[in-house]
Amino acid sequence: METISWQDFEQVDLRVGTIVTAEVFAEARRPAYILHVDFGQDIGVLKSSAQITELYQPEDLVGQQVIGVVNFPLKQIGPIQSQCLITGFPQADGSVVLIQPERPVENGLKLA
């Protein structure tokens, strides 16, 4: 495994946010949801496409806190621009388990 420096790690801006809306991304090539995630007052609400349909339903995602990378460049995914990357662990069967704090924290806090 290749190592990185502390400065490399500090460049990745990982923040906690709360999912405020989740809807089926009908135009996606692979099943996905469009998530709007509130990353707090300084960052605001960002949009992301997330391929997490195997383990999660849209109505169950609203109100859940997740960890997202908020400093990637915008990425065009079909008709939407993804503004952040929601993190998760891909499993052998292709499903993804979201990374979530084990208790509620303030939106926008940076992973340390």
C-alpha atoms as a PDB file:
ATOM      1  CA  MET A   1       0.000   0.000   0.000  1.00  0.00           C
ATOM      2  CA  GLU A   2       1.290   3.419  -0.920  1.00  0.00           C
ATOM      3  CA  THR A   3       1.458   5.987   1.885  1.00  0.00           C
ATOM      4  CA  ILE A   4       0.433   9.631   1.665  1.00  0.00           C
ATOM      5  CA  SER A   5       1.562  12.643   3.637  1.00  0.00           C
ATOM      6  CA  TRP A   6      -0.501  14.425   6.268  1.00  0.00           C
ATOM      7  CA  GLN A   7      -0.711  17.360   3.833  1.00  0.00           C
ATOM      8  CA  ASP A   8      -2.251  15.054   1.214  1.00  0.00           C
ATOM      9  CA  PHE A   9      -4.905  13.928   3.706  1.00  0.00           C
ATOM     10  CA  GLU A  10      -5.660  17.513   4.735  1.00  0.00           C
ATOM     11  CA  GLN A  11      -6.527  18.356   1.129  1.00  0.00           C
ATOM     12  CA  VAL A  12      -9.555  16.042   1.217  1.00  0.00           C
ATOM     13  CA  ASP A  13     -12.396  18.014   2.809  1.00  0.00           C
ATOM     14  CA  LEU A  14     -14.613  15.391   4.485  1.00  0.00           C
ATOM     15  CA  ARG A  15     -17.663  16.890   6.200  1.00  0.00           C
ATOM     16  CA  VAL A  16     -20.757  15.612   7.932  1.00  0.00           C
ATOM     17  CA  GLY A  17     -24.130  16.550   6.503  1.00  0.00           C
ATOM     18  CA  THR A  18     -27.782  15.638   6.844  1.00  0.00           C
ATOM     19  CA  ILE A  19     -29.766  14.307   3.892  1.00  0.00           C
ATOM     20  CA  VAL A  20     -32.700  16.680   3.340  1.00  0.00           C
ATOM     21  CA  THR A  21     -34.139  15.059   0.196  1.00  0.00           C
ATOM     22  CA  ALA A  22     -33.628  11.748  -1.564  1.00  0.00           C
ATOM     23  CA  GLU A  23     -35.281  10.764  -4.838  1.00  0.00           C
ATOM     24  CA  VAL A  24     -34.877   8.100  -7.480  1.00  0.00           C
ATOM     25  CA  PHE A  25     -32.483   9.191 -10.239  1.00  0.00           C
ATOM     26  CA  ALA A  26     -34.597   7.869 -13.111  1.00  0.00           C
ATOM     27  CA  GLU A  27     -32.135   8.905 -15.845  1.00  0.00           C
ATOM     28  CA  ALA A  28     -29.124   7.170 -14.264  1.00  0.00           C
ATOM     29  CA  ARG A  29     -27.525   4.284 -16.187  1.00  0.00           C
ATOM     30  CA  ARG A  30     -27.134   2.308 -12.960  1.00  0.00           C
ATOM     31  CA  PRO A  31     -29.731   2.550 -10.170  1.00  0.00           C
ATOM     32  CA  ALA A  32     -29.041   5.633  -8.046  1.00  0.00           C
ATOM     33  CA  TYR A  33     -30.628   8.326  -5.929  1.00  0.00           C
ATOM     34  CA  ILE A  34     -30.250  12.092  -6.118  1.00  0.00           C
ATOM     35  CA  LEU A  35     -29.432  13.322  -2.629  1.00  0.00           C
ATOM     36  CA  HIS A  36     -29.503  16.886  -1.336  1.00  0.00           C
ATOM     37  CA  VAL A  37     -27.287  17.082   1.737  1.00  0.00           C
ATOM     38  CA  ASP A  38     -27.105  19.994   4.181  1.00  0.00           C
ATOM     39  CA  PHE A  39     -23.447  20.548   5.115  1.00  0.00           C
ATOM     40  CA  GLY A  40     -24.150  23.477   7.420  1.00  0.00           C
ATOM     41  CA  GLN A  41     -24.178  27.241   7.135  1.00  0.00           C
ATOM     42  CA  ASP A  42     -20.714  27.700   5.604  1.00  0.00           C
ATOM     43  CA  ILE A  43     -21.152  25.132   2.795  1.00  0.00           C
ATOM     44  CA  GLY A  44     -24.915  24.857   2.389  1.00  0.00           C
ATOM     45  CA  VAL A  45     -26.923  22.150   0.625  1.00  0.00           C
ATOM     46  CA  LEU A  46     -25.061  20.155  -2.031  1.00  0.00           C
ATOM     47  CA  LYS A  47     -26.400  17.638  -4.561  1.00  0.00           C
ATOM     48  CA  SER A  48     -24.979  14.183  -5.209  1.00  0.00           C
ATOM     49  CA  SER A  49     -25.785  11.067  -7.185  1.00  0.00           C
ATOM     50  CA  ALA A  50     -25.425   7.984  -4.991  1.00  0.00           C
ATOM     51  CA  GLN A  51     -25.598   4.348  -6.072  1.00  0.00           C
ATOM     52  CA  ILE A  52     -26.966   3.094  -2.764  1.00  0.00           C
ATOM     53  CA  THR A  53     -30.323   1.650  -3.874  1.00  0.00           C
ATOM     54  CA  GLU A  54     -29.685  -1.931  -2.732  1.00  0.00           C
ATOM     55  CA  LEU A  55     -29.672  -1.158   0.990  1.00  0.00           C
ATOM     56  CA  TYR A  56     -31.553   2.142   1.331  1.00  0.00           C
ATOM     57  CA  GLN A  57     -34.963   3.561   0.413  1.00  0.00           C
ATOM     58  CA  PRO A  58     -35.331   7.308  -0.267  1.00  0.00           C
ATOM     59  CA  GLU A  59     -37.805   7.862   2.553  1.00  0.00           C
ATOM     60  CA  ASP A  60     -35.441   6.186   5.056  1.00  0.00           C
ATOM     61  CA  LEU A  61     -32.477   8.366   4.007  1.00  0.00           C
ATOM     62  CA  VAL A  62     -34.053  11.738   4.812  1.00  0.00           C
ATOM     63  CA  GLY A  63     -32.713  12.940   8.152  1.00  0.00           C
ATOM     64  CA  GLN A  64     -29.721  10.578   8.114  1.00  0.00           C
ATOM     65  CA  GLN A  65     -26.254  12.045   8.570  1.00  0.00           C
ATOM     66  CA  VAL A  66     -23.532  11.060   6.091  1.00  0.00           C
ATOM     67  CA  ILE A  67     -19.911  11.901   5.370  1.00  0.00           C
ATOM     68  CA  GLY A  68     -19.156  13.637   2.087  1.00  0.00           C
ATOM     69  CA  VAL A  69     -16.158  14.967   0.205  1.00  0.00           C
ATOM     70  CA  VAL A  70     -17.102  18.582  -0.483  1.00  0.00           C
ATOM     71  CA  ASN A  71     -14.057  19.849  -2.391  1.00  0.00           C
ATOM     72  CA  PHE A  72     -14.087  17.684  -5.517  1.00  0.00           C
ATOM     73  CA  PRO A  73     -14.756  19.476  -8.805  1.00  0.00           C
ATOM     74  CA  LEU A  74     -18.324  19.307 -10.112  1.00  0.00           C
ATOM     75  CA  LYS A  75     -19.075  16.114 -12.036  1.00  0.00           C
ATOM     76  CA  GLN A  76     -21.745  15.881 -14.727  1.00  0.00           C
ATOM     77  CA  ILE A  77     -23.758  12.678 -14.265  1.00  0.00           C
ATOM     78  CA  GLY A  78     -26.440  12.541 -16.926  1.00  0.00           C
ATOM     79  CA  PRO A  79     -28.690  15.571 -16.496  1.00  0.00           C
ATOM     80  CA  ILE A  80     -27.387  16.565 -13.037  1.00  0.00           C
ATOM     81  CA  GLN A  81     -24.154  18.050 -11.710  1.00  0.00           C
ATOM     82  CA  SER A  82     -22.897  16.202  -8.669  1.00  0.00           C
ATOM     83  CA  GLN A  83     -21.445  18.703  -6.180  1.00  0.00           C
ATOM     84  CA  CYS A  84     -20.045  16.288  -3.591  1.00  0.00           C
ATOM     85  CA  LEU A  85     -19.163  12.621  -3.084  1.00  0.00           C
ATOM     86  CA  ILE A  86     -21.084  10.735  -0.413  1.00  0.00           C
ATOM     87  CA  THR A  87     -18.822   8.087   1.100  1.00  0.00           C
ATOM     88  CA  GLY A  88     -19.537   4.419   1.682  1.00  0.00           C
ATOM     89  CA  PHE A  89     -18.029   0.967   1.760  1.00  0.00           C
ATOM     90  CA  PRO A  90     -18.690  -1.175  -1.348  1.00  0.00           C
ATOM     91  CA  GLN A  91     -19.391  -4.793  -0.491  1.00  0.00           C
ATOM     92  CA  ALA A  92     -18.640  -7.922  -2.540  1.00  0.00           C
ATOM     93  CA  ASP A  93     -22.217  -8.019  -3.866  1.00  0.00           C
ATOM     94  CA  GLY A  94     -21.960  -4.433  -5.173  1.00  0.00           C
ATOM     95  CA  SER A  95     -24.115  -2.844  -2.482  1.00  0.00           C
ATOM     96  CA  VAL A  96     -22.753   0.169  -0.626  1.00  0.00           C
ATOM     97  CA  VAL A  97     -22.936   0.797   3.133  1.00  0.00           C
ATOM     98  CA  LEU A  98     -22.931   4.517   3.928  1.00  0.00           C
ATOM     99  CA  ILE A  99     -20.361   5.985   6.295  1.00  0.00           C
ATOM    100  CA  GLN A 100     -22.259   7.681   9.116  1.00  0.00           C
ATOM    101  CA  PRO A 101     -21.345   9.171  12.502  1.00  0.00           C
ATOM    102  CA  GLU A 102     -22.328   6.917  15.384  1.00  0.00           C
ATOM    103  CA  ARG A 103     -24.209   9.788  17.026  1.00  0.00           C
ATOM    104  CA  PRO A 104     -25.615  13.109  15.770  1.00  0.00           C
ATOM    105  CA  VAL A 105     -23.114  15.922  15.238  1.00  0.00           C
ATOM    106  CA  GLU A 106     -23.361  19.452  13.870  1.00  0.00           C
ATOM    107  CA  ASN A 107     -23.660  19.653  10.089  1.00  0.00           C
ATOM    108  CA  GLY A 108     -20.492  20.897   8.425  1.00  0.00           C
ATOM    109  CA  LEU A 109     -18.017  19.548  10.953  1.00  0.00           C
ATOM    110  CA  LYS A 110     -14.797  18.432   9.272  1.00  0.00           C
ATOM    111  CA  LEU A 111     -13.460  14.927   9.773  1.00  0.00           C
ATOM    112  CA  ALA A 112     -10.293  15.092  11.857  1.00  0.00           C
END
